[in-house]
Amino acid sequence: MFRSQTKKSRLLSNEDVTYLIDRADDKFKHGQFSDAVHHYDAVLKRAPNNFRALHNKGLALFALSKFEKSIECYDRALGIKPNASHVKLNKAISLNSSRKFQAAKSLLDELVRHAPTNKEALNARALSEFNLGLDTEGMQDLKKAIQIDPAYTMAWNNLGCFYLGLGELDLAIECFDQTLAVDTRNYDAFLLKDMAAERRERRLKRP
């Protein structure tokens, strides 16, 4: 009898934890990131090693620009599932945002080595490489990501930004046009294309 009640209690507790995570995820989906963190913390009080809560709390903290704390969550999640590639990718993105570009690149090198067609990892590694002065490698990674998925607008925008920084305005505009061909409402591409077009116009007006 006692064993049966204990098992039932454990099941109810698991149901409670799932309910709390679902509530936290709903807050996250609606952009209520601080509330989401609060709910994930409630989960982690009951289940400190809950992988889903740790990972998703990291995402919410990243959305709040609390990059160091998000990395801590990802590290705890990786302690539970060391081979979780999506957690490693999100950790690398947080490392980039924390300007820890070499650490991010090392982690992304590992990801790309095991999954050469991971376009998100290639895109993130390109950002690390550009900030480390490895422009050739960064451009190659972006072009690989685009070869894998020609509709990958993030890589097109980043490649366009790279050309914009080099003053290769025609190439930059071509990249932003590729983004807009896929996503006609891509606000970043609109702004960046206008910037490149204005620079090109000024250049043409020079005597």
Protein backbone atom coordinates (compact mmCIF):
# COMPACT_ATOMS: atom_id res chain seq x y z
CA MET A 1 0.00 0.00 0.00
CA PHE A 2 2.75 2.46 1.00
CA ARG A 3 4.74 1.66 -2.16
CA SER A 4 1.66 2.23 -4.33
CA GLN A 5 0.99 5.62 -2.71
CA THR A 6 4.61 6.65 -3.15
CA LYS A 7 4.50 5.75 -6.84
CA LYS A 8 1.26 7.70 -7.28
CA SER A 9 2.77 10.70 -5.51
CA ARG A 10 5.82 10.56 -7.81
CA LEU A 11 3.58 10.44 -10.86
CA LEU A 12 1.61 13.46 -9.67
CA SER A 13 4.85 15.30 -9.08
CA ASN A 14 6.00 14.54 -12.62
CA GLU A 15 2.68 15.80 -13.95
CA ASP A 16 3.12 19.01 -11.95
CA VAL A 17 6.60 19.50 -13.37
CA THR A 18 5.37 18.98 -16.93
CA TYR A 19 2.56 21.46 -16.34
CA LEU A 20 4.98 24.08 -15.04
CA ILE A 21 7.32 23.62 -18.01
CA ASP A 22 4.41 23.95 -20.42
CA ARG A 23 3.39 27.20 -18.70
CA ALA A 24 6.96 28.47 -18.90
CA ASP A 25 7.19 27.57 -22.59
CA ASP A 26 3.93 29.41 -23.24
CA LYS A 27 5.34 32.54 -21.58
CA PHE A 28 8.46 32.21 -23.71
CA LYS A 29 6.45 31.86 -26.93
CA HIS A 30 4.59 35.08 -26.09
CA GLY A 31 7.81 37.00 -25.46
CA GLN A 32 7.34 37.12 -21.69
CA PHE A 33 10.89 36.05 -21.01
CA SER A 34 11.22 37.18 -17.38
CA ASP A 35 8.03 35.33 -16.48
CA ALA A 36 9.31 32.30 -18.36
CA VAL A 37 12.52 32.31 -16.31
CA HIS A 38 10.45 32.50 -13.12
CA HIS A 39 8.44 29.43 -14.15
CA TYR A 40 11.54 27.48 -15.22
CA ASP A 41 13.03 28.25 -11.80
CA ALA A 42 9.92 26.80 -10.20
CA VAL A 43 10.48 23.62 -12.18
CA LEU A 44 14.15 23.45 -11.24
CA LYS A 45 13.33 23.75 -7.55
CA ARG A 46 11.42 20.48 -7.87
CA ALA A 47 13.64 18.86 -10.48
CA PRO A 48 17.13 20.45 -10.50
CA ASN A 49 18.31 18.20 -13.33
CA ASN A 50 15.38 18.70 -15.67
CA PHE A 51 17.08 18.98 -19.05
CA ARG A 52 14.23 20.71 -20.85
CA ALA A 53 13.83 23.37 -18.15
CA LEU A 54 17.57 24.08 -18.05
CA HIS A 55 17.87 24.42 -21.81
CA ASN A 56 14.75 26.53 -22.23
CA LYS A 57 15.70 28.75 -19.31
CA GLY A 58 18.97 29.36 -21.14
CA LEU A 59 17.01 30.44 -24.22
CA ALA A 60 14.89 32.84 -22.14
CA LEU A 61 17.97 34.32 -20.47
CA PHE A 62 19.57 34.78 -23.89
CA ALA A 63 16.48 36.65 -25.05
CA LEU A 64 16.95 38.94 -22.02
CA SER A 65 20.61 39.51 -23.08
CA LYS A 66 21.81 37.72 -19.94
CA PHE A 67 24.38 35.78 -21.89
CA GLU A 68 26.63 34.60 -19.05
CA LYS A 69 23.66 33.18 -17.15
CA SER A 70 22.37 31.49 -20.28
CA ILE A 71 25.76 29.81 -20.71
CA GLU A 72 25.52 28.51 -17.14
CA CYS A 73 22.16 26.91 -17.94
CA TYR A 74 23.51 25.33 -21.12
CA ASP A 75 26.51 23.95 -19.21
CA ARG A 76 24.21 22.36 -16.65
CA ALA A 77 22.09 20.89 -19.44
CA LEU A 78 25.21 19.52 -21.13
CA GLY A 79 26.20 17.92 -17.85
CA ILE A 80 23.04 15.83 -18.22
CA LYS A 81 23.23 15.24 -21.99
CA PRO A 82 26.82 15.91 -23.13
CA ASN A 83 26.09 15.18 -26.79
CA ALA A 84 23.08 17.48 -27.19
CA SER A 85 24.14 19.34 -30.33
CA HIS A 86 21.35 21.94 -30.16
CA VAL A 87 22.47 22.93 -26.66
CA LYS A 88 26.09 23.23 -27.82
CA LEU A 89 24.95 25.44 -30.70
CA ASN A 90 22.96 27.72 -28.41
CA LYS A 91 25.89 27.90 -26.00
CA ALA A 92 28.18 28.91 -28.87
CA ILE A 93 25.73 31.63 -29.92
CA SER A 94 25.74 32.95 -26.34
CA LEU A 95 29.54 32.85 -26.31
CA ASN A 96 29.57 34.92 -29.51
CA SER A 97 27.18 37.40 -27.89
CA SER A 98 29.52 37.55 -24.87
CA ARG A 99 32.39 38.31 -27.30
CA LYS A 100 34.13 35.07 -26.36
CA PHE A 101 34.76 34.34 -30.00
CA GLN A 102 37.59 31.84 -29.65
CA ALA A 103 35.62 29.71 -27.18
CA ALA A 104 32.61 29.88 -29.50
CA LYS A 105 34.68 28.89 -32.51
CA SER A 106 36.21 25.92 -30.70
CA LEU A 107 32.76 24.62 -29.80
CA LEU A 108 31.47 25.25 -33.32
CA ASP A 109 34.48 23.51 -34.85
CA GLU A 110 33.45 20.41 -32.90
CA LEU A 111 29.83 20.71 -34.06
CA VAL A 112 30.75 21.17 -37.72
CA ARG A 113 33.23 18.31 -37.55
CA HIS A 114 30.44 15.96 -36.46
CA ALA A 115 27.72 17.55 -38.63
CA PRO A 116 29.23 19.27 -41.70
CA THR A 117 25.78 20.20 -43.05
CA ASN A 118 24.64 22.02 -39.91
CA LYS A 119 23.90 25.39 -41.50
CA GLU A 120 23.23 27.14 -38.16
CA ALA A 121 26.62 26.05 -36.84
CA LEU A 122 28.34 27.24 -40.03
CA ASN A 123 26.58 30.59 -39.80
CA ALA A 124 27.49 31.01 -36.12
CA ARG A 125 31.09 29.97 -36.77
CA ALA A 126 31.35 32.57 -39.54
CA LEU A 127 30.50 35.28 -37.01
CA SER A 128 33.21 33.97 -34.68
CA GLU A 129 35.70 33.91 -37.55
CA PHE A 130 34.94 37.44 -38.72
CA ASN A 131 35.50 38.76 -35.21
CA LEU A 132 38.76 36.82 -34.99
CA GLY A 133 39.99 38.31 -38.26
CA LEU A 134 39.48 35.08 -40.18
CA ASP A 135 37.52 36.70 -42.99
CA THR A 136 38.25 34.08 -45.67
CA GLU A 137 37.12 31.24 -43.43
CA GLY A 138 34.01 33.15 -42.39
CA MET A 139 32.97 33.84 -45.97
CA GLN A 140 33.54 30.19 -46.88
CA ASP A 141 31.32 29.05 -44.01
CA LEU A 142 28.50 31.38 -45.05
CA LYS A 143 28.71 30.19 -48.65
CA LYS A 144 28.60 26.56 -47.45
CA ALA A 145 25.51 27.32 -45.37
CA ILE A 146 23.85 28.88 -48.42
CA GLN A 147 24.77 25.88 -50.57
CA ILE A 148 23.12 23.62 -48.02
CA ASP A 149 20.00 25.81 -47.92
CA PRO A 150 19.69 28.52 -50.61
CA ALA A 151 16.72 29.95 -48.68
CA TYR A 152 18.74 30.49 -45.49
CA THR A 153 18.16 34.23 -45.15
CA MET A 154 20.32 34.69 -42.06
CA ALA A 155 23.40 33.54 -43.96
CA TRP A 156 22.51 35.73 -46.95
CA ASN A 157 22.17 38.76 -44.66
CA ASN A 158 25.45 38.02 -42.90
CA LEU A 159 27.25 37.55 -46.21
CA GLY A 160 25.75 40.84 -47.38
CA CYS A 161 27.02 42.55 -44.23
CA PHE A 162 30.48 41.14 -44.89
CA TYR A 163 30.50 42.57 -48.43
CA LEU A 164 29.09 45.84 -47.11
CA GLY A 165 31.99 46.11 -44.69
CA LEU A 166 34.43 45.52 -47.55
CA GLY A 167 32.77 48.18 -49.68
CA GLU A 168 31.64 45.56 -52.23
CA LEU A 169 28.27 47.25 -52.54
CA ASP A 170 26.94 45.47 -55.63
CA LEU A 171 27.64 42.08 -54.05
CA ALA A 172 26.08 43.23 -50.79
CA ILE A 173 22.89 44.33 -52.57
CA GLU A 174 22.73 40.99 -54.40
CA CYS A 175 22.83 39.16 -51.05
CA PHE A 176 20.07 41.29 -49.54
CA ASP A 177 18.00 40.79 -52.69
CA GLN A 178 18.39 37.03 -52.21
CA THR A 179 16.99 37.40 -48.70
CA LEU A 180 14.06 39.49 -49.92
CA ALA A 181 13.29 36.99 -52.67
CA VAL A 182 12.67 34.44 -49.91
CA ASP A 183 11.21 36.77 -47.26
CA THR A 184 9.67 39.93 -48.68
CA ARG A 185 9.14 41.31 -45.16
CA ASN A 186 12.68 40.86 -43.89
CA TYR A 187 13.15 44.25 -42.21
CA ASP A 188 16.90 43.84 -41.71
CA ALA A 189 17.43 43.11 -45.40
CA PHE A 190 15.41 46.20 -46.37
CA LEU A 191 17.48 48.47 -44.12
CA LEU A 192 20.81 46.95 -45.14
CA LYS A 193 19.98 47.09 -48.84
CA ASP A 194 18.99 50.77 -48.52
CA MET A 195 22.25 51.46 -46.70
CA ALA A 196 24.28 49.76 -49.42
CA ALA A 197 22.32 51.53 -52.18
CA GLU A 198 22.87 54.94 -50.56
CA ARG A 199 26.58 54.31 -50.29
CA ARG A 200 26.73 53.21 -53.91
CA GLU A 201 24.85 56.33 -55.01
CA ARG A 202 27.23 58.58 -53.08
CA ARG A 203 30.17 56.79 -54.59
CA LEU A 204 28.80 57.29 -58.11
CA LYS A 205 28.33 61.03 -57.48
CA ARG A 206 31.94 61.56 -56.50
CA PRO A 207 33.94 63.51 -59.10
